[in-house]
Amino acid sequence: FNSNDFMNFFTDKIDNFRNTITNVDSTASNMSNSFVTPKEKLQYFTAIGHEELNKLITVSKPTTCLLDPVPTKPGVTRLSPGGPVSLQSLAPTLIKHT
């Protein structure tokens, strides 16, 4: 394994990434005319209480993803007996991703 192998590895990765983006862009532009307007729309949002939030987070899978609005492990570690502090710390994240 030498420096050229290292460089080629990352150059190939970048080329593959660029090709993927190009393919996704062309597929997306072909699909843009086929979107269907939903029959039902969300009319309102009702906030949940600490008890329900606690239940939802504790029964969630223990995996995390950067796209999750509340990653499970950090969410569970923030839950405290005080309740409102937890809701206040999670609220900005939930609002950002809704």
PDB file of N, CA and C in Angstrom:
ATOM      1  N   PHE A   1       0.850  -1.173   0.000  1.00  0.00           N
ATOM      2  CA  PHE A   1       0.000   0.000   0.000  1.00  0.00           C
ATOM      3  C   PHE A   1       0.889   1.226   0.000  1.00  0.00           C
ATOM      4  N   ASN A   2       0.816   2.008  -1.066  1.00  0.00           N
ATOM      5  CA  ASN A   2       1.651   3.205  -1.136  1.00  0.00           C
ATOM      6  C   ASN A   2       0.784   4.450  -1.297  1.00  0.00           C
ATOM      7  N   SER A   3       1.423   5.585  -1.454  1.00  0.00           N
ATOM      8  CA  SER A   3       0.683   6.848  -1.526  1.00  0.00           C
ATOM      9  C   SER A   3      -0.230   6.915  -2.748  1.00  0.00           C
ATOM     10  N   ASN A   4       0.182   6.320  -3.856  1.00  0.00           N
ATOM     11  CA  ASN A   4      -0.674   6.316  -5.046  1.00  0.00           C
ATOM     12  C   ASN A   4      -1.933   5.481  -4.816  1.00  0.00           C
ATOM     13  N   ASP A   5      -1.786   4.358  -4.127  1.00  0.00           N
ATOM     14  CA  ASP A   5      -2.958   3.539  -3.803  1.00  0.00           C
ATOM     15  C   ASP A   5      -3.932   4.331  -2.928  1.00  0.00           C
ATOM     16  N   PHE A   6      -3.371   5.025  -1.962  1.00  0.00           N
ATOM     17  CA  PHE A   6      -4.173   5.847  -1.062  1.00  0.00           C
ATOM     18  C   PHE A   6      -4.925   6.924  -1.852  1.00  0.00           C
ATOM     19  N   MET A   7      -4.190   7.619  -2.723  1.00  0.00           N
ATOM     20  CA  MET A   7      -4.787   8.672  -3.534  1.00  0.00           C
ATOM     21  C   MET A   7      -5.861   8.097  -4.466  1.00  0.00           C
ATOM     22  N   ASN A   8      -5.574   6.983  -5.109  1.00  0.00           N
ATOM     23  CA  ASN A   8      -6.533   6.373  -6.029  1.00  0.00           C
ATOM     24  C   ASN A   8      -7.800   5.931  -5.307  1.00  0.00           C
ATOM     25  N   PHE A   9      -7.645   5.421  -4.106  1.00  0.00           N
ATOM     26  CA  PHE A   9      -8.805   5.002  -3.327  1.00  0.00           C
ATOM     27  C   PHE A   9      -9.773   6.167  -3.142  1.00  0.00           C
ATOM     28  N   PHE A  10      -9.248   7.308  -2.696  1.00  0.00           N
ATOM     29  CA  PHE A  10     -10.111   8.460  -2.450  1.00  0.00           C
ATOM     30  C   PHE A  10     -10.581   9.125  -3.744  1.00  0.00           C
ATOM     31  N   THR A  11      -9.761   9.109  -4.767  1.00  0.00           N
ATOM     32  CA  THR A  11     -10.191   9.643  -6.059  1.00  0.00           C
ATOM     33  C   THR A  11     -11.359   8.826  -6.598  1.00  0.00           C
ATOM     34  N   ASP A  12     -11.272   7.510  -6.478  1.00  0.00           N
ATOM     35  CA  ASP A  12     -12.373   6.641  -6.911  1.00  0.00           C
ATOM     36  C   ASP A  12     -13.634   6.902  -6.087  1.00  0.00           C
ATOM     37  N   LYS A  13     -13.460   7.090  -4.786  1.00  0.00           N
ATOM     38  CA  LYS A  13     -14.606   7.387  -3.920  1.00  0.00           C
ATOM     39  C   LYS A  13     -15.303   8.674  -4.371  1.00  0.00           C
ATOM     40  N   ILE A  14     -14.517   9.695  -4.645  1.00  0.00           N
ATOM     41  CA  ILE A  14     -15.071  10.980  -5.078  1.00  0.00           C
ATOM     42  C   ILE A  14     -15.778  10.834  -6.420  1.00  0.00           C
ATOM     43  N   ASP A  15     -15.156  10.119  -7.352  1.00  0.00           N
ATOM     44  CA  ASP A  15     -15.781   9.899  -8.662  1.00  0.00           C
ATOM     45  C   ASP A  15     -17.099   9.143  -8.525  1.00  0.00           C
ATOM     46  N   ASN A  16     -17.124   8.118  -7.687  1.00  0.00           N
ATOM     47  CA  ASN A  16     -18.359   7.357  -7.464  1.00  0.00           C
ATOM     48  C   ASN A  16     -19.441   8.239  -6.850  1.00  0.00           C
ATOM     49  N   PHE A  17     -19.031   9.067  -5.916  1.00  0.00           N
ATOM     50  CA  PHE A  17     -19.977   9.985  -5.272  1.00  0.00           C
ATOM     51  C   PHE A  17     -20.562  10.955  -6.301  1.00  0.00           C
ATOM     52  N   ARG A  18     -19.704  11.526  -7.141  1.00  0.00           N
ATOM     53  CA  ARG A  18     -20.177  12.452  -8.182  1.00  0.00           C
ATOM     54  C   ARG A  18     -21.130  11.754  -9.144  1.00  0.00           C
ATOM     55  N   ASN A  19     -20.811  10.525  -9.537  1.00  0.00           N
ATOM     56  CA  ASN A  19     -21.692   9.778 -10.439  1.00  0.00           C
ATOM     57  C   ASN A  19     -23.040   9.506  -9.788  1.00  0.00           C
ATOM     58  N   THR A  20     -23.020   9.191  -8.506  1.00  0.00           N
ATOM     59  CA  THR A  20     -24.265   8.938  -7.781  1.00  0.00           C
ATOM     60  C   THR A  20     -25.126  10.195  -7.752  1.00  0.00           C
ATOM     61  N   ILE A  21     -24.503  11.332  -7.467  1.00  0.00           N
ATOM     62  CA  ILE A  21     -25.245  12.596  -7.435  1.00  0.00           C
ATOM     63  C   ILE A  21     -25.848  12.888  -8.802  1.00  0.00           C
ATOM     64  N   THR A  22     -25.082  12.698  -9.851  1.00  0.00           N
ATOM     65  CA  THR A  22     -25.575  12.945 -11.205  1.00  0.00           C
ATOM     66  C   THR A  22     -26.754  12.039 -11.516  1.00  0.00           C
ATOM     67  N   ASN A  23     -26.648  10.760 -11.151  1.00  0.00           N
ATOM     68  CA  ASN A  23     -27.739   9.816 -11.408  1.00  0.00           C
ATOM     69  C   ASN A  23     -28.984  10.172 -10.607  1.00  0.00           C
ATOM     70  N   VAL A  24     -28.813  10.571  -9.356  1.00  0.00           N
ATOM     71  CA  VAL A  24     -29.950  10.939  -8.518  1.00  0.00           C
ATOM     72  C   VAL A  24     -30.609  12.201  -9.064  1.00  0.00           C
ATOM     73  N   ASP A  25     -29.799  13.178  -9.479  1.00  0.00           N
ATOM     74  CA  ASP A  25     -30.358  14.413 -10.031  1.00  0.00           C
ATOM     75  C   ASP A  25     -31.187  14.140 -11.278  1.00  0.00           C
ATOM     76  N   SER A  26     -30.693  13.285 -12.168  1.00  0.00           N
ATOM     77  CA  SER A  26     -31.446  12.999 -13.391  1.00  0.00           C
ATOM     78  C   SER A  26     -32.720  12.222 -13.074  1.00  0.00           C
ATOM     79  N   THR A  27     -32.661  11.314 -12.106  1.00  0.00           N
ATOM     80  CA  THR A  27     -33.854  10.565 -11.703  1.00  0.00           C
ATOM     81  C   THR A  27     -34.870  11.503 -11.063  1.00  0.00           C
ATOM     82  N   ALA A  28     -34.400  12.406 -10.219  1.00  0.00           N
ATOM     83  CA  ALA A  28     -35.296  13.346  -9.537  1.00  0.00           C
ATOM     84  C   ALA A  28     -35.972  14.273 -10.535  1.00  0.00           C
ATOM     85  N   SER A  29     -35.239  14.733 -11.540  1.00  0.00           N
ATOM     86  CA  SER A  29     -35.860  15.634 -12.508  1.00  0.00           C
ATOM     87  C   SER A  29     -36.904  14.902 -13.341  1.00  0.00           C
ATOM     88  N   ASN A  30     -36.702  13.609 -13.592  1.00  0.00           N
ATOM     89  CA  ASN A  30     -37.697  12.824 -14.321  1.00  0.00           C
ATOM     90  C   ASN A  30     -38.949  12.595 -13.484  1.00  0.00           C
ATOM     91  N   MET A  31     -38.803  12.544 -12.169  1.00  0.00           N
ATOM     92  CA  MET A  31     -39.923  12.258 -11.284  1.00  0.00           C
ATOM     93  C   MET A  31     -40.667  13.519 -10.848  1.00  0.00           C
ATOM     94  N   SER A  32     -40.076  14.692 -11.063  1.00  0.00           N
ATOM     95  CA  SER A  32     -40.680  15.915 -10.537  1.00  0.00           C
ATOM     96  C   SER A  32     -42.083  16.165 -11.084  1.00  0.00           C
ATOM     97  N   ASN A  33     -42.387  15.675 -12.254  1.00  0.00           N
ATOM     98  CA  ASN A  33     -43.717  15.873 -12.828  1.00  0.00           C
ATOM     99  C   ASN A  33     -44.728  14.850 -12.344  1.00  0.00           C
ATOM    100  N   SER A  34     -44.283  13.840 -11.618  1.00  0.00           N
ATOM    101  CA  SER A  34     -45.187  12.769 -11.217  1.00  0.00           C
ATOM    102  C   SER A  34     -45.632  12.850  -9.753  1.00  0.00           C
ATOM    103  N   PHE A  35     -45.370  13.971  -9.066  1.00  0.00           N
ATOM    104  CA  PHE A  35     -45.791  14.095  -7.679  1.00  0.00           C
ATOM    105  C   PHE A  35     -47.307  14.225  -7.591  1.00  0.00           C
ATOM    106  N   VAL A  36     -47.869  13.591  -6.596  1.00  0.00           N
ATOM    107  CA  VAL A  36     -49.309  13.611  -6.390  1.00  0.00           C
ATOM    108  C   VAL A  36     -49.612  14.483  -5.177  1.00  0.00           C
ATOM    109  N   THR A  37     -50.607  15.324  -5.298  1.00  0.00           N
ATOM    110  CA  THR A  37     -51.022  16.150  -4.169  1.00  0.00           C
ATOM    111  C   THR A  37     -51.720  15.259  -3.152  1.00  0.00           C
ATOM    112  N   PRO A  38     -51.312  15.324  -1.879  1.00  0.00           N
ATOM    113  CA  PRO A  38     -51.944  14.465  -0.869  1.00  0.00           C
ATOM    114  C   PRO A  38     -53.417  14.813  -0.682  1.00  0.00           C
ATOM    115  N   LYS A  39     -54.221  13.795  -0.410  1.00  0.00           N
ATOM    116  CA  LYS A  39     -55.655  14.007  -0.182  1.00  0.00           C
ATOM    117  C   LYS A  39     -55.907  14.609   1.190  1.00  0.00           C
ATOM    118  N   GLU A  40     -55.064  14.252   2.147  1.00  0.00           N
ATOM    119  CA  GLU A  40     -55.225  14.770   3.501  1.00  0.00           C
ATOM    120  C   GLU A  40     -53.964  15.519   3.900  1.00  0.00           C
ATOM    121  N   LYS A  41     -54.150  16.584   4.643  1.00  0.00           N
ATOM    122  CA  LYS A  41     -53.023  17.372   5.129  1.00  0.00           C
ATOM    123  C   LYS A  41     -53.125  17.494   6.640  1.00  0.00           C
ATOM    124  N   LEU A  42     -51.983  17.626   7.282  1.00  0.00           N
ATOM    125  CA  LEU A  42     -51.952  17.825   8.725  1.00  0.00           C
ATOM    126  C   LEU A  42     -52.533  19.201   9.029  1.00  0.00           C
ATOM    127  N   GLN A  43     -53.602  19.230   9.794  1.00  0.00           N
ATOM    128  CA  GLN A  43     -54.288  20.485  10.085  1.00  0.00           C
ATOM    129  C   GLN A  43     -53.711  21.206  11.305  1.00  0.00           C
ATOM    130  N   TYR A  44     -53.229  20.444  12.272  1.00  0.00           N
ATOM    131  CA  TYR A  44     -52.694  21.057  13.478  1.00  0.00           C
ATOM    132  C   TYR A  44     -51.718  20.088  14.138  1.00  0.00           C
ATOM    133  N   PHE A  45     -50.945  20.608  15.069  1.00  0.00           N
ATOM    134  CA  PHE A  45     -49.964  19.823  15.803  1.00  0.00           C
ATOM    135  C   PHE A  45     -50.240  20.007  17.283  1.00  0.00           C
ATOM    136  N   THR A  46     -50.374  18.905  17.996  1.00  0.00           N
ATOM    137  CA  THR A  46     -50.605  18.963  19.429  1.00  0.00           C
ATOM    138  C   THR A  46     -49.357  18.471  20.150  1.00  0.00           C
ATOM    139  N   ALA A  47     -48.852  19.286  21.057  1.00  0.00           N
ATOM    140  CA  ALA A  47     -47.665  18.901  21.823  1.00  0.00           C
ATOM    141  C   ALA A  47     -48.007  17.760  22.767  1.00  0.00           C
ATOM    142  N   ILE A  48     -47.013  16.921  23.051  1.00  0.00           N
ATOM    143  CA  ILE A  48     -47.212  15.815  23.989  1.00  0.00           C
ATOM    144  C   ILE A  48     -46.567  16.175  25.320  1.00  0.00           C
ATOM    145  N   GLY A  49     -46.971  15.478  26.354  1.00  0.00           N
ATOM    146  CA  GLY A  49     -46.422  15.716  27.681  1.00  0.00           C
ATOM    147  C   GLY A  49     -45.143  14.926  27.915  1.00  0.00           C
ATOM    148  N   HIS A  50     -44.530  15.183  29.063  1.00  0.00           N
ATOM    149  CA  HIS A  50     -43.271  14.528  29.413  1.00  0.00           C
ATOM    150  C   HIS A  50     -43.428  13.018  29.489  1.00  0.00           C
ATOM    151  N   GLU A  51     -44.538  12.549  30.045  1.00  0.00           N
ATOM    152  CA  GLU A  51     -44.745  11.106  30.204  1.00  0.00           C
ATOM    153  C   GLU A  51     -44.759  10.399  28.849  1.00  0.00           C
ATOM    154  N   GLU A  52     -45.482  10.962  27.888  1.00  0.00           N
ATOM    155  CA  GLU A  52     -45.548  10.333  26.567  1.00  0.00           C
ATOM    156  C   GLU A  52     -44.209  10.437  25.841  1.00  0.00           C
ATOM    157  N   LEU A  53     -43.523  11.573  25.978  1.00  0.00           N
ATOM    158  CA  LEU A  53     -42.198  11.736  25.380  1.00  0.00           C
ATOM    159  C   LEU A  53     -41.234  10.708  25.948  1.00  0.00           C
ATOM    160  N   ASN A  54     -41.245  10.544  27.268  1.00  0.00           N
ATOM    161  CA  ASN A  54     -40.391   9.567  27.937  1.00  0.00           C
ATOM    162  C   ASN A  54     -40.670   8.167  27.401  1.00  0.00           C
ATOM    163  N   LYS A  55     -41.939   7.821  27.266  1.00  0.00           N
ATOM    164  CA  LYS A  55     -42.327   6.501  26.775  1.00  0.00           C
ATOM    165  C   LYS A  55     -41.831   6.281  25.345  1.00  0.00           C
ATOM    166  N   LEU A  56     -42.029   7.261  24.478  1.00  0.00           N
ATOM    167  CA  LEU A  56     -41.611   7.134  23.081  1.00  0.00           C
ATOM    168  C   LEU A  56     -40.101   6.953  22.943  1.00  0.00           C
ATOM    169  N   ILE A  57     -39.348   7.723  23.707  1.00  0.00           N
ATOM    170  CA  ILE A  57     -37.891   7.644  23.596  1.00  0.00           C
ATOM    171  C   ILE A  57     -37.358   6.355  24.195  1.00  0.00           C
ATOM    172  N   THR A  58     -37.889   5.939  25.322  1.00  0.00           N
ATOM    173  CA  THR A  58     -37.357   4.735  25.965  1.00  0.00           C
ATOM    174  C   THR A  58     -37.694   3.463  25.197  1.00  0.00           C
ATOM    175  N   VAL A  59     -38.766   3.450  24.407  1.00  0.00           N
ATOM    176  CA  VAL A  59     -39.088   2.251  23.628  1.00  0.00           C
ATOM    177  C   VAL A  59     -38.464   2.284  22.236  1.00  0.00           C
ATOM    178  N   SER A  60     -37.794   3.382  21.889  1.00  0.00           N
ATOM    179  CA  SER A  60     -37.155   3.495  20.578  1.00  0.00           C
ATOM    180  C   SER A  60     -35.937   2.593  20.497  1.00  0.00           C
ATOM    181  N   LYS A  61     -35.573   2.255  19.268  1.00  0.00           N
ATOM    182  CA  LYS A  61     -34.376   1.443  19.057  1.00  0.00           C
ATOM    183  C   LYS A  61     -33.158   2.216  19.560  1.00  0.00           C
ATOM    184  N   PRO A  62     -32.146   1.509  20.064  1.00  0.00           N
ATOM    185  CA  PRO A  62     -30.972   2.194  20.621  1.00  0.00           C
ATOM    186  C   PRO A  62     -29.980   2.668  19.564  1.00  0.00           C
ATOM    187  N   THR A  63     -30.421   2.838  18.333  1.00  0.00           N
ATOM    188  CA  THR A  63     -29.528   3.315  17.283  1.00  0.00           C
ATOM    189  C   THR A  63     -29.730   4.803  17.086  1.00  0.00           C
ATOM    190  N   THR A  64     -28.757   5.439  16.480  1.00  0.00           N
ATOM    191  CA  THR A  64     -28.893   6.854  16.183  1.00  0.00           C
ATOM    192  C   THR A  64     -28.565   7.099  14.725  1.00  0.00           C
ATOM    193  N   CYS A  65     -29.072   8.171  14.225  1.00  0.00           N
ATOM    194  CA  CYS A  65     -28.829   8.594  12.853  1.00  0.00           C
ATOM    195  C   CYS A  65     -28.772  10.109  12.885  1.00  0.00           C
ATOM    196  N   LEU A  66     -27.888  10.697  12.111  1.00  0.00           N
ATOM    197  CA  LEU A  66     -27.783  12.147  12.103  1.00  0.00           C
ATOM    198  C   LEU A  66     -29.063  12.817  11.630  1.00  0.00           C
ATOM    199  N   LEU A  67     -29.902  12.080  10.909  1.00  0.00           N
ATOM    200  CA  LEU A  67     -31.144  12.656  10.411  1.00  0.00           C
ATOM    201  C   LEU A  67     -32.286  12.555  11.409  1.00  0.00           C
ATOM    202  N   ASP A  68     -32.123  11.774  12.472  1.00  0.00           N
ATOM    203  CA  ASP A  68     -33.173  11.663  13.480  1.00  0.00           C
ATOM    204  C   ASP A  68     -33.310  12.990  14.212  1.00  0.00           C
ATOM    205  N   PRO A  69     -34.544  13.481  14.402  1.00  0.00           N
ATOM    206  CA  PRO A  69     -34.699  14.728  15.144  1.00  0.00           C
ATOM    207  C   PRO A  69     -34.236  14.610  16.591  1.00  0.00           C
ATOM    208  N   VAL A  70     -34.455  13.458  17.215  1.00  0.00           N
ATOM    209  CA  VAL A  70     -33.982  13.219  18.578  1.00  0.00           C
ATOM    210  C   VAL A  70     -33.287  11.869  18.580  1.00  0.00           C
ATOM    211  N   PRO A  71     -31.947  11.845  18.438  1.00  0.00           N
ATOM    212  CA  PRO A  71     -31.254  10.559  18.493  1.00  0.00           C
ATOM    213  C   PRO A  71     -31.549   9.863  19.818  1.00  0.00           C
ATOM    214  N   THR A  72     -31.805   8.577  19.770  1.00  0.00           N
ATOM    215  CA  THR A  72     -32.293   7.844  20.933  1.00  0.00           C
ATOM    216  C   THR A  72     -31.378   7.946  22.144  1.00  0.00           C
ATOM    217  N   LYS A  73     -30.115   7.601  22.007  1.00  0.00           N
ATOM    218  CA  LYS A  73     -29.236   7.581  23.175  1.00  0.00           C
ATOM    219  C   LYS A  73     -29.118   8.964  23.827  1.00  0.00           C
ATOM    220  N   PRO A  74     -28.811  10.029  23.073  1.00  0.00           N
ATOM    221  CA  PRO A  74     -28.774  11.346  23.726  1.00  0.00           C
ATOM    222  C   PRO A  74     -30.127  11.746  24.299  1.00  0.00           C
ATOM    223  N   GLY A  75     -31.203  11.347  23.629  1.00  0.00           N
ATOM    224  CA  GLY A  75     -32.536  11.676  24.134  1.00  0.00           C
ATOM    225  C   GLY A  75     -32.799  11.030  25.466  1.00  0.00           C
ATOM    226  N   VAL A  76     -32.440   9.761  25.605  1.00  0.00           N
ATOM    227  CA  VAL A  76     -32.667   9.039  26.856  1.00  0.00           C
ATOM    228  C   VAL A  76     -31.800   9.611  27.965  1.00  0.00           C
ATOM    229  N   THR A  77     -30.557   9.974  27.661  1.00  0.00           N
ATOM    230  CA  THR A  77     -29.691  10.506  28.714  1.00  0.00           C
ATOM    231  C   THR A  77     -30.142  11.883  29.172  1.00  0.00           C
ATOM    232  N   ARG A  78     -30.894  12.601  28.347  1.00  0.00           N
ATOM    233  CA  ARG A  78     -31.389  13.920  28.746  1.00  0.00           C
ATOM    234  C   ARG A  78     -32.647  13.837  29.597  1.00  0.00           C
ATOM    235  N   LEU A  79     -33.330  12.707  29.544  1.00  0.00           N
ATOM    236  CA  LEU A  79     -34.557  12.584  30.325  1.00  0.00           C
ATOM    237  C   LEU A  79     -34.217  12.610  31.809  1.00  0.00           C
ATOM    238  N   SER A  80     -34.933  13.426  32.523  1.00  0.00           N
ATOM    239  CA  SER A  80     -34.676  13.531  33.955  1.00  0.00           C
ATOM    240  C   SER A  80     -35.999  13.480  34.698  1.00  0.00           C
ATOM    241  N   PRO A  81     -35.950  13.170  35.991  1.00  0.00           N
ATOM    242  CA  PRO A  81     -37.190  13.131  36.766  1.00  0.00           C
ATOM    243  C   PRO A  81     -37.912  14.471  36.779  1.00  0.00           C
ATOM    244  N   GLY A  82     -37.181  15.563  36.571  1.00  0.00           N
ATOM    245  CA  GLY A  82     -37.789  16.896  36.599  1.00  0.00           C
ATOM    246  C   GLY A  82     -38.743  17.160  35.461  1.00  0.00           C
ATOM    247  N   GLY A  83     -38.589  16.479  34.364  1.00  0.00           N
ATOM    248  CA  GLY A  83     -39.508  16.609  33.247  1.00  0.00           C
ATOM    249  C   GLY A  83     -39.368  17.870  32.428  1.00  0.00           C
ATOM    250  N   PRO A  84     -39.807  19.020  32.937  1.00  0.00           N
ATOM    251  CA  PRO A  84     -39.800  20.224  32.112  1.00  0.00           C
ATOM    252  C   PRO A  84     -38.434  20.588  31.545  1.00  0.00           C
ATOM    253  N   VAL A  85     -37.361  20.331  32.312  1.00  0.00           N
ATOM    254  CA  VAL A  85     -36.028  20.624  31.803  1.00  0.00           C
ATOM    255  C   VAL A  85     -35.766  19.799  30.555  1.00  0.00           C
ATOM    256  N   SER A  86     -36.178  18.532  30.571  1.00  0.00           N
ATOM    257  CA  SER A  86     -35.983  17.666  29.420  1.00  0.00           C
ATOM    258  C   SER A  86     -36.755  18.173  28.221  1.00  0.00           C
ATOM    259  N   LEU A  87     -38.006  18.552  28.437  1.00  0.00           N
ATOM    260  CA  LEU A  87     -38.813  19.047  27.328  1.00  0.00           C
ATOM    261  C   LEU A  87     -38.227  20.333  26.764  1.00  0.00           C
ATOM    262  N   GLN A  88     -37.715  21.199  27.632  1.00  0.00           N
ATOM    263  CA  GLN A  88     -37.126  22.448  27.159  1.00  0.00           C
ATOM    264  C   GLN A  88     -35.866  22.185  26.351  1.00  0.00           C
ATOM    265  N   SER A  89     -35.080  21.187  26.738  1.00  0.00           N
ATOM    266  CA  SER A  89     -33.851  20.911  25.998  1.00  0.00           C
ATOM    267  C   SER A  89     -34.131  20.209  24.677  1.00  0.00           C
ATOM    268  N   LEU A  90     -35.229  19.461  24.593  1.00  0.00           N
ATOM    269  CA  LEU A  90     -35.563  18.761  23.356  1.00  0.00           C
ATOM    270  C   LEU A  90     -36.416  19.606  22.420  1.00  0.00           C
ATOM    271  N   ALA A  91     -37.141  20.566  22.928  1.00  0.00           N
ATOM    272  CA  ALA A  91     -38.070  21.350  22.113  1.00  0.00           C
ATOM    273  C   ALA A  91     -37.412  22.005  20.902  1.00  0.00           C
ATOM    274  N   PRO A  92     -36.244  22.664  21.041  1.00  0.00           N
ATOM    275  CA  PRO A  92     -35.640  23.285  19.855  1.00  0.00           C
ATOM    276  C   PRO A  92     -35.336  22.265  18.756  1.00  0.00           C
ATOM    277  N   THR A  93     -34.920  21.069  19.140  1.00  0.00           N
ATOM    278  CA  THR A  93     -34.634  20.031  18.158  1.00  0.00           C
ATOM    279  C   THR A  93     -35.908  19.596  17.464  1.00  0.00           C
ATOM    280  N   LEU A  94     -36.965  19.400  18.224  1.00  0.00           N
ATOM    281  CA  LEU A  94     -38.227  18.963  17.642  1.00  0.00           C
ATOM    282  C   LEU A  94     -38.808  20.029  16.726  1.00  0.00           C
ATOM    283  N   ILE A  95     -38.718  21.276  17.126  1.00  0.00           N
ATOM    284  CA  ILE A  95     -39.254  22.363  16.308  1.00  0.00           C
ATOM    285  C   ILE A  95     -38.462  22.492  15.019  1.00  0.00           C
ATOM    286  N   LYS A  96     -37.149  22.342  15.102  1.00  0.00           N
ATOM    287  CA  LYS A  96     -36.287  22.476  13.928  1.00  0.00           C
ATOM    288  C   LYS A  96     -36.627  21.432  12.873  1.00  0.00           C
ATOM    289  N   HIS A  97     -37.011  20.232  13.285  1.00  0.00           N
ATOM    290  CA  HIS A  97     -37.219  19.130  12.352  1.00  0.00           C
ATOM    291  C   HIS A  97     -38.683  18.848  12.046  1.00  0.00           C
ATOM    292  N   THR A  98     -39.591  19.747  12.388  1.00  0.00           N
ATOM    293  CA  THR A  98     -41.000  19.505  12.050  1.00  0.00           C
ATOM    294  C   THR A  98     -41.416  20.367  10.893  1.00  0.00           C
TER     295      THR A  98
END
